[in-house]
Amino acid sequence: MRRHSLPDDYATRPTGDTSPPRRRTVVVATMLVLAVAAGTAIAAQAGLLPFSK
Protein backbone atom coordinates (compact mmCIF):
# COMPACT_ATOMS: atom_id res chain seq x y z
CA MET A 1 0.00 0.00 0.00
CA ARG A 2 2.07 2.88 -1.28
CA ARG A 3 -0.84 5.22 -1.64
CA HIS A 4 0.49 7.83 0.77
CA SER A 5 4.18 7.71 -0.04
CA LEU A 6 6.02 10.84 -1.17
CA PRO A 7 7.67 11.05 -4.60
CA ASP A 8 11.37 10.30 -4.64
CA ASP A 9 12.44 13.70 -5.97
CA TYR A 10 10.68 15.44 -3.06
CA ALA A 11 12.93 13.68 -0.57
CA THR A 12 16.10 14.73 -2.42
CA ARG A 13 15.28 18.47 -2.57
CA PRO A 14 16.76 20.70 0.12
CA THR A 15 14.22 21.91 2.67
CA GLY A 16 15.25 25.57 2.37
CA ASP A 17 14.26 25.78 -1.32
CA THR A 18 10.95 27.63 -0.88
CA SER A 19 11.84 30.90 -2.64
CA PRO A 20 10.02 30.60 -5.99
CA PRO A 21 6.54 29.73 -4.63
CA ARG A 22 6.87 32.30 -1.84
CA ARG A 23 8.01 34.97 -4.29
CA ARG A 24 5.01 34.26 -6.51
CA THR A 25 2.69 34.48 -3.51
CA VAL A 26 4.17 37.84 -2.52
CA VAL A 27 3.75 39.16 -6.06
CA VAL A 28 0.12 38.01 -6.26
CA ALA A 29 -0.67 39.47 -2.82
CA THR A 30 0.99 42.78 -3.74
CA MET A 31 -0.95 43.01 -6.99
CA LEU A 32 -4.19 42.28 -5.14
CA VAL A 33 -3.51 45.02 -2.59
CA LEU A 34 -2.66 47.50 -5.34
CA ALA A 35 -5.82 46.62 -7.26
CA VAL A 36 -7.98 47.14 -4.16
CA ALA A 37 -6.24 50.44 -3.39
CA ALA A 38 -6.71 51.65 -6.96
CA GLY A 39 -10.38 50.66 -6.90
CA THR A 40 -10.89 52.47 -3.61
CA ALA A 41 -9.19 55.60 -4.95
CA ILE A 42 -11.34 55.59 -8.08
CA ALA A 43 -14.51 55.07 -6.04
CA ALA A 44 -13.53 57.89 -3.68
CA GLN A 45 -12.87 60.30 -6.54
CA ALA A 46 -16.17 59.38 -8.17
CA GLY A 47 -18.00 60.13 -4.90
CA LEU A 48 -19.24 56.57 -4.44
CA LEU A 49 -17.87 56.29 -0.90
CA PRO A 50 -19.37 58.25 2.00
CA PHE A 51 -16.00 59.36 3.43
CA SER A 52 -14.99 61.06 0.19
CA LYS A 53 -17.13 64.16 0.83
PDB file of N, CA and C in Angstrom:
ATOM      1  N   MET A   1       0.833  -1.181   0.000  1.00  0.00           N
ATOM      2  CA  MET A   1       0.000   0.000   0.000  1.00  0.00           C
ATOM      3  C   MET A   1       0.876   1.241   0.000  1.00  0.00           C
ATOM      4  N   ARG A   2       1.215   1.714  -1.157  1.00  0.00           N
ATOM      5  CA  ARG A   2       2.072   2.884  -1.285  1.00  0.00           C
ATOM      6  C   ARG A   2       1.266   4.110  -1.652  1.00  0.00           C
ATOM      7  N   ARG A   3       0.056   4.147  -1.259  1.00  0.00           N
ATOM      8  CA  ARG A   3      -0.843   5.216  -1.639  1.00  0.00           C
ATOM      9  C   ARG A   3      -0.419   6.573  -1.073  1.00  0.00           C
ATOM     10  N   HIS A   4       0.152   6.580   0.101  1.00  0.00           N
ATOM     11  CA  HIS A   4       0.486   7.833   0.774  1.00  0.00           C
ATOM     12  C   HIS A   4       1.972   8.138   0.768  1.00  0.00           C
ATOM     13  N   SER A   5       2.744   7.454  -0.035  1.00  0.00           N
ATOM     14  CA  SER A   5       4.184   7.708  -0.039  1.00  0.00           C
ATOM     15  C   SER A   5       4.501   8.963  -0.841  1.00  0.00           C
ATOM     16  N   LEU A   6       5.596   9.618  -0.484  1.00  0.00           N
ATOM     17  CA  LEU A   6       6.022  10.838  -1.169  1.00  0.00           C
ATOM     18  C   LEU A   6       6.827  10.471  -2.410  1.00  0.00           C
ATOM     19  N   PRO A   7       6.823  11.304  -3.427  1.00  0.00           N
ATOM     20  CA  PRO A   7       7.668  11.051  -4.600  1.00  0.00           C
ATOM     21  C   PRO A   7       9.139  11.093  -4.212  1.00  0.00           C
ATOM     22  N   ASP A   8       9.953  10.381  -4.966  1.00  0.00           N
ATOM     23  CA  ASP A   8      11.374  10.296  -4.643  1.00  0.00           C
ATOM     24  C   ASP A   8      12.088  11.632  -4.785  1.00  0.00           C
ATOM     25  N   ASP A   9      11.743  12.440  -5.782  1.00  0.00           N
ATOM     26  CA  ASP A   9      12.443  13.703  -5.969  1.00  0.00           C
ATOM     27  C   ASP A   9      12.127  14.702  -4.862  1.00  0.00           C
ATOM     28  N   TYR A  10      11.003  14.562  -4.182  1.00  0.00           N
ATOM     29  CA  TYR A  10      10.677  15.442  -3.062  1.00  0.00           C
ATOM     30  C   TYR A  10      11.643  15.218  -1.911  1.00  0.00           C
ATOM     31  N   ALA A  11      12.028  13.996  -1.683  1.00  0.00           N
ATOM     32  CA  ALA A  11      12.931  13.678  -0.574  1.00  0.00           C
ATOM     33  C   ALA A  11      14.349  14.168  -0.855  1.00  0.00           C
ATOM     34  N   THR A  12      14.728  14.327  -2.108  1.00  0.00           N
ATOM     35  CA  THR A  12      16.096  14.734  -2.420  1.00  0.00           C
ATOM     36  C   THR A  12      16.263  16.247  -2.481  1.00  0.00           C
ATOM     37  N   ARG A  13      15.176  17.013  -2.527  1.00  0.00           N
ATOM     38  CA  ARG A  13      15.280  18.472  -2.570  1.00  0.00           C
ATOM     39  C   ARG A  13      15.672  19.012  -1.199  1.00  0.00           C
ATOM     40  N   PRO A  14      16.454  20.068  -1.170  1.00  0.00           N
ATOM     41  CA  PRO A  14      16.758  20.696   0.123  1.00  0.00           C
ATOM     42  C   PRO A  14      15.509  21.358   0.704  1.00  0.00           C
ATOM     43  N   THR A  15      15.418  21.386   2.010  1.00  0.00           N
ATOM     44  CA  THR A  15      14.220  21.905   2.666  1.00  0.00           C
ATOM     45  C   THR A  15      14.146  23.422   2.607  1.00  0.00           C
ATOM     46  N   GLY A  16      15.247  24.121   2.401  1.00  0.00           N
ATOM     47  CA  GLY A  16      15.246  25.569   2.367  1.00  0.00           C
ATOM     48  C   GLY A  16      14.903  26.149   1.003  1.00  0.00           C
ATOM     49  N   ASP A  17      14.524  25.330   0.044  1.00  0.00           N
ATOM     50  CA  ASP A  17      14.258  25.784  -1.318  1.00  0.00           C
ATOM     51  C   ASP A  17      12.788  26.147  -1.490  1.00  0.00           C
ATOM     52  N   THR A  18      12.349  27.207  -0.782  1.00  0.00           N
ATOM     53  CA  THR A  18      10.949  27.634  -0.879  1.00  0.00           C
ATOM     54  C   THR A  18      10.828  29.019  -1.496  1.00  0.00           C
ATOM     55  N   SER A  19      11.875  29.544  -2.110  1.00  0.00           N
ATOM     56  CA  SER A  19      11.842  30.900  -2.640  1.00  0.00           C
ATOM     57  C   SER A  19      10.875  31.109  -3.806  1.00  0.00           C
ATOM     58  N   PRO A  20      10.906  30.301  -4.859  1.00  0.00           N
ATOM     59  CA  PRO A  20      10.023  30.596  -5.993  1.00  0.00           C
ATOM     60  C   PRO A  20       8.532  30.615  -5.654  1.00  0.00           C
ATOM     61  N   PRO A  21       7.964  29.639  -4.955  1.00  0.00           N
ATOM     62  CA  PRO A  21       6.540  29.733  -4.634  1.00  0.00           C
ATOM     63  C   PRO A  21       6.234  30.911  -3.709  1.00  0.00           C
ATOM     64  N   ARG A  22       7.102  31.188  -2.757  1.00  0.00           N
ATOM     65  CA  ARG A  22       6.872  32.300  -1.842  1.00  0.00           C
ATOM     66  C   ARG A  22       6.939  33.621  -2.595  1.00  0.00           C
ATOM     67  N   ARG A  23       7.878  33.748  -3.510  1.00  0.00           N
ATOM     68  CA  ARG A  23       8.007  34.972  -4.290  1.00  0.00           C
ATOM     69  C   ARG A  23       6.754  35.199  -5.131  1.00  0.00           C
ATOM     70  N   ARG A  24       6.224  34.141  -5.713  1.00  0.00           N
ATOM     71  CA  ARG A  24       5.009  34.265  -6.508  1.00  0.00           C
ATOM     72  C   ARG A  24       3.834  34.665  -5.628  1.00  0.00           C
ATOM     73  N   THR A  25       3.755  34.130  -4.431  1.00  0.00           N
ATOM     74  CA  THR A  25       2.689  34.482  -3.509  1.00  0.00           C
ATOM     75  C   THR A  25       2.777  35.947  -3.117  1.00  0.00           C
ATOM     76  N   VAL A  26       3.980  36.428  -2.879  1.00  0.00           N
ATOM     77  CA  VAL A  26       4.168  37.837  -2.515  1.00  0.00           C
ATOM     78  C   VAL A  26       3.768  38.740  -3.674  1.00  0.00           C
ATOM     79  N   VAL A  27       4.107  38.355  -4.896  1.00  0.00           N
ATOM     80  CA  VAL A  27       3.749  39.163  -6.060  1.00  0.00           C
ATOM     81  C   VAL A  27       2.234  39.197  -6.242  1.00  0.00           C
ATOM     82  N   VAL A  28       1.576  38.054  -6.102  1.00  0.00           N
ATOM     83  CA  VAL A  28       0.123  38.007  -6.257  1.00  0.00           C
ATOM     84  C   VAL A  28      -0.553  38.822  -5.160  1.00  0.00           C
ATOM     85  N   ALA A  29      -0.080  38.709  -3.928  1.00  0.00           N
ATOM     86  CA  ALA A  29      -0.668  39.468  -2.825  1.00  0.00           C
ATOM     87  C   ALA A  29      -0.455  40.966  -3.024  1.00  0.00           C
ATOM     88  N   THR A  30       0.713  41.365  -3.494  1.00  0.00           N
ATOM     89  CA  THR A  30       0.990  42.779  -3.742  1.00  0.00           C
ATOM     90  C   THR A  30       0.084  43.328  -4.837  1.00  0.00           C
ATOM     91  N   MET A  31      -0.080  42.565  -5.904  1.00  0.00           N
ATOM     92  CA  MET A  31      -0.954  43.009  -6.995  1.00  0.00           C
ATOM     93  C   MET A  31      -2.401  43.122  -6.521  1.00  0.00           C
ATOM     94  N   LEU A  32      -2.838  42.217  -5.668  1.00  0.00           N
ATOM     95  CA  LEU A  32      -4.195  42.277  -5.141  1.00  0.00           C
ATOM     96  C   LEU A  32      -4.392  43.530  -4.287  1.00  0.00           C
ATOM     97  N   VAL A  33      -3.424  43.821  -3.437  1.00  0.00           N
ATOM     98  CA  VAL A  33      -3.512  45.018  -2.593  1.00  0.00           C
ATOM     99  C   VAL A  33      -3.525  46.287  -3.443  1.00  0.00           C
ATOM    100  N   LEU A  34      -2.688  46.334  -4.467  1.00  0.00           N
ATOM    101  CA  LEU A  34      -2.655  47.505  -5.342  1.00  0.00           C
ATOM    102  C   LEU A  34      -3.960  47.665  -6.114  1.00  0.00           C
ATOM    103  N   ALA A  35      -4.542  46.557  -6.538  1.00  0.00           N
ATOM    104  CA  ALA A  35      -5.816  46.623  -7.257  1.00  0.00           C
ATOM    105  C   ALA A  35      -6.934  47.130  -6.352  1.00  0.00           C
ATOM    106  N   VAL A  36      -6.963  46.675  -5.112  1.00  0.00           N
ATOM    107  CA  VAL A  36      -7.981  47.135  -4.160  1.00  0.00           C
ATOM    108  C   VAL A  36      -7.772  48.620  -3.846  1.00  0.00           C
ATOM    109  N   ALA A  37      -6.523  49.026  -3.669  1.00  0.00           N
ATOM    110  CA  ALA A  37      -6.240  50.436  -3.389  1.00  0.00           C
ATOM    111  C   ALA A  37      -6.629  51.315  -4.568  1.00  0.00           C
ATOM    112  N   ALA A  38      -6.344  50.876  -5.779  1.00  0.00           N
ATOM    113  CA  ALA A  38      -6.708  51.653  -6.960  1.00  0.00           C
ATOM    114  C   ALA A  38      -8.229  51.739  -7.091  1.00  0.00           C
ATOM    115  N   GLY A  39      -8.923  50.647  -6.846  1.00  0.00           N
ATOM    116  CA  GLY A  39     -10.383  50.661  -6.902  1.00  0.00           C
ATOM    117  C   GLY A  39     -10.986  51.575  -5.859  1.00  0.00           C
ATOM    118  N   THR A  40     -10.409  51.589  -4.673  1.00  0.00           N
ATOM    119  CA  THR A  40     -10.887  52.473  -3.612  1.00  0.00           C
ATOM    120  C   THR A  40     -10.655  53.941  -3.975  1.00  0.00           C
ATOM    121  N   ALA A  41      -9.486  54.225  -4.550  1.00  0.00           N
ATOM    122  CA  ALA A  41      -9.187  55.598  -4.950  1.00  0.00           C
ATOM    123  C   ALA A  41     -10.134  56.073  -6.047  1.00  0.00           C
ATOM    124  N   ILE A  42     -10.415  55.220  -6.996  1.00  0.00           N
ATOM    125  CA  ILE A  42     -11.341  55.589  -8.077  1.00  0.00           C
ATOM    126  C   ILE A  42     -12.743  55.798  -7.528  1.00  0.00           C
ATOM    127  N   ALA A  43     -13.180  54.917  -6.632  1.00  0.00           N
ATOM    128  CA  ALA A  43     -14.509  55.066  -6.042  1.00  0.00           C
ATOM    129  C   ALA A  43     -14.595  56.335  -5.193  1.00  0.00           C
ATOM    130  N   ALA A  44     -13.528  56.680  -4.500  1.00  0.00           N
ATOM    131  CA  ALA A  44     -13.530  57.893  -3.682  1.00  0.00           C
ATOM    132  C   ALA A  44     -13.574  59.143  -4.556  1.00  0.00           C
ATOM    133  N   GLN A  45     -12.843  59.140  -5.653  1.00  0.00           N
ATOM    134  CA  GLN A  45     -12.866  60.298  -6.544  1.00  0.00           C
ATOM    135  C   GLN A  45     -14.213  60.445  -7.248  1.00  0.00           C
ATOM    136  N   ALA A  46     -14.887  59.337  -7.488  1.00  0.00           N
ATOM    137  CA  ALA A  46     -16.175  59.382  -8.166  1.00  0.00           C
ATOM    138  C   ALA A  46     -17.310  59.725  -7.194  1.00  0.00           C
ATOM    139  N   GLY A  47     -16.995  59.790  -5.912  1.00  0.00           N
ATOM    140  CA  GLY A  47     -18.004  60.131  -4.903  1.00  0.00           C
ATOM    141  C   GLY A  47     -18.888  58.963  -4.524  1.00  0.00           C
ATOM    142  N   LEU A  48     -18.433  57.759  -4.756  1.00  0.00           N
ATOM    143  CA  LEU A  48     -19.238  56.575  -4.436  1.00  0.00           C
ATOM    144  C   LEU A  48     -19.083  56.120  -2.985  1.00  0.00           C
ATOM    145  N   LEU A  49     -18.108  56.653  -2.294  1.00  0.00           N
ATOM    146  CA  LEU A  49     -17.874  56.291  -0.898  1.00  0.00           C
ATOM    147  C   LEU A  49     -18.269  57.453   0.001  1.00  0.00           C
ATOM    148  N   PRO A  50     -18.884  57.165   1.134  1.00  0.00           N
ATOM    149  CA  PRO A  50     -19.369  58.247   2.003  1.00  0.00           C
ATOM    150  C   PRO A  50     -18.250  59.097   2.619  1.00  0.00           C
ATOM    151  N   PHE A  51     -17.066  58.565   2.796  1.00  0.00           N
ATOM    152  CA  PHE A  51     -15.997  59.359   3.427  1.00  0.00           C
ATOM    153  C   PHE A  51     -15.282  60.257   2.433  1.00  0.00           C
ATOM    154  N   SER A  52     -15.658  60.240   1.176  1.00  0.00           N
ATOM    155  CA  SER A  52     -14.988  61.055   0.186  1.00  0.00           C
ATOM    156  C   SER A  52     -15.525  62.473   0.087  1.00  0.00           C
ATOM    157  N   LYS A  53     -16.516  62.814   0.884  1.00  0.00           N
ATOM    158  CA  LYS A  53     -17.127  64.160   0.834  1.00  0.00           C
ATOM    159  C   LYS A  53     -16.292  65.158   1.592  1.00  0.00           C
TER     160      LYS A  53
END
